[in-house]
Structure formats: structure tokens, C-alpha cells
């Protein structure tokens, strides 16, 4: 990973130049009097392919108790009536 250190004045003066390098994958560390205060790094790229569906099929089974009604105490907890 390539990292560039620049002071605030350099960053303000040449921001578009540094953003071009960030877009190419580099990270720019902005310093105040040579003390790092911020990083400018590339935003993760969006997926170019669709996510596959069903990769976890068969790895989890919903238990029958999941479909049973909740008790009054549990309902009160979920609805904010429990106190």
C-alpha cells in the first residue's frame, strides 16, 4: 500500500492532484505540523457482479419453536410495555 504524507497547506494547494492519486489506490495522510490528523483513501468499489444466492442453503434449520406465539411477558418486552 502506497502512502503519501502531506501538510495541510500542500493538501489544499494540490488537492486535485492528490485525489487523482487516491483514485489510483494510494492513501494520503494529511498532517498538521507533521502530526497526522486525517487520511484520504479510496472508497471501496461497488461489486461488478451480482451476489450469488443460496450459498448457505442447508446450513441452518429454523426450529419449530420459532413459529410458536410469544408469551405475554415477551410481547410486553418487545412492545415496550414491560417495566
Protein backbone atom coordinates (compact mmCIF):
# COMPACT_ATOMS: atom_id res chain seq x y z
CA UNK A 1 0.00 0.00 0.00
CA UNK A 2 1.45 3.35 -1.06
CA UNK A 3 1.01 6.18 1.45
CA UNK A 4 1.79 9.85 0.90
CA UNK A 5 2.26 12.31 3.80
CA UNK A 6 1.40 15.97 3.14
CA UNK A 7 0.87 19.00 5.33
CA UNK A 8 -2.42 20.90 5.26
CA UNK A 9 -1.07 23.69 3.03
CA UNK A 10 0.16 21.17 0.43
CA UNK A 11 -3.17 19.30 0.58
CA UNK A 12 -5.16 22.50 -0.01
CA UNK A 13 -2.88 23.70 -2.78
CA UNK A 14 -2.74 20.40 -4.70
CA UNK A 15 -5.99 18.68 -3.67
CA UNK A 16 -6.97 17.60 -7.19
CA UNK A 17 -3.51 16.10 -7.76
CA UNK A 18 -3.78 14.06 -4.54
CA UNK A 19 -7.34 12.97 -5.32
CA UNK A 20 -6.12 11.60 -8.65
CA UNK A 21 -3.56 9.50 -6.79
CA UNK A 22 -6.18 8.38 -4.25
CA UNK A 23 -8.44 7.28 -7.11
CA UNK A 24 -5.50 5.16 -8.32
CA UNK A 25 -5.41 3.35 -4.96
CA UNK A 26 -2.96 5.38 -2.88
CA UNK A 27 -3.64 6.79 0.60
CA UNK A 28 -2.85 10.38 1.53
CA UNK A 29 -2.13 11.21 5.17
CA UNK A 30 -2.82 14.87 5.95
CA UNK A 31 -0.63 16.30 8.70
CA UNK A 32 -0.79 19.42 10.84
CA UNK A 33 2.81 20.46 11.57
CA UNK A 34 3.96 16.95 10.64
CA UNK A 35 1.47 15.30 13.02
CA UNK A 36 -1.01 13.05 11.17
CA UNK A 37 -4.61 14.22 11.57
CA UNK A 38 -6.52 12.57 8.71
CA UNK A 39 -6.38 10.01 5.93
CA UNK A 40 -7.80 10.31 2.46
CA UNK A 41 -8.23 6.87 0.94
CA UNK A 42 -10.21 5.33 -1.90
CA UNK A 43 -13.83 4.42 -1.37
CA UNK A 44 -14.40 0.67 -1.81
CA UNK A 45 -15.58 -0.10 -5.32
CA UNK A 46 -19.05 -1.47 -5.91
CA UNK A 47 -19.39 -5.09 -6.94
CA UNK A 48 -19.32 -5.59 -10.68
CA UNK A 49 -21.10 -8.94 -10.44
CA UNK A 50 -24.30 -9.93 -8.68
CA UNK A 51 -24.05 -11.67 -5.34
CA UNK A 52 -24.69 -15.39 -5.56
CA UNK A 53 -27.89 -16.53 -3.85
CA UNK A 54 -28.15 -19.64 -1.73
CA UNK A 55 -24.55 -20.11 -0.59
CA UNK A 56 -25.69 -21.02 2.93
CA UNK A 57 -28.53 -23.31 1.87
CA UNK A 58 -28.83 -26.29 4.18
CA UNK A 59 -26.53 -24.88 6.88
CA UNK A 60 -29.35 -23.67 9.15
CA UNK A 61 -32.74 -25.08 10.06
CA UNK A 62 -35.43 -22.92 11.62
CA UNK A 63 -36.59 -24.66 14.82
CA UNK A 64 -40.35 -25.32 15.19
CA UNK A 65 -40.42 -23.15 18.35
CA UNK A 66 -39.69 -20.13 16.15
CA UNK A 67 -43.26 -20.26 14.83
CA UNK A 68 -44.94 -20.55 18.25
CA UNK A 69 -46.60 -17.43 19.68
CA UNK A 70 -44.66 -15.36 22.22
CA UNK A 71 -45.68 -15.32 25.85
CA UNK A 72 -47.37 -12.18 27.27
CA UNK A 73 -44.14 -11.21 29.07
CA UNK A 74 -42.11 -11.48 25.86
CA UNK A 75 -44.73 -9.47 23.93
CA UNK A 76 -44.65 -6.76 26.60
CA UNK A 77 -40.84 -6.63 26.35
CA UNK A 78 -40.92 -6.27 22.55
CA UNK A 79 -43.69 -3.64 22.56
CA UNK A 80 -42.12 -1.60 25.38
CA UNK A 81 -44.87 -2.28 27.93
CA UNK A 82 -42.57 -4.14 30.32
CA UNK A 83 -41.40 -2.02 33.03
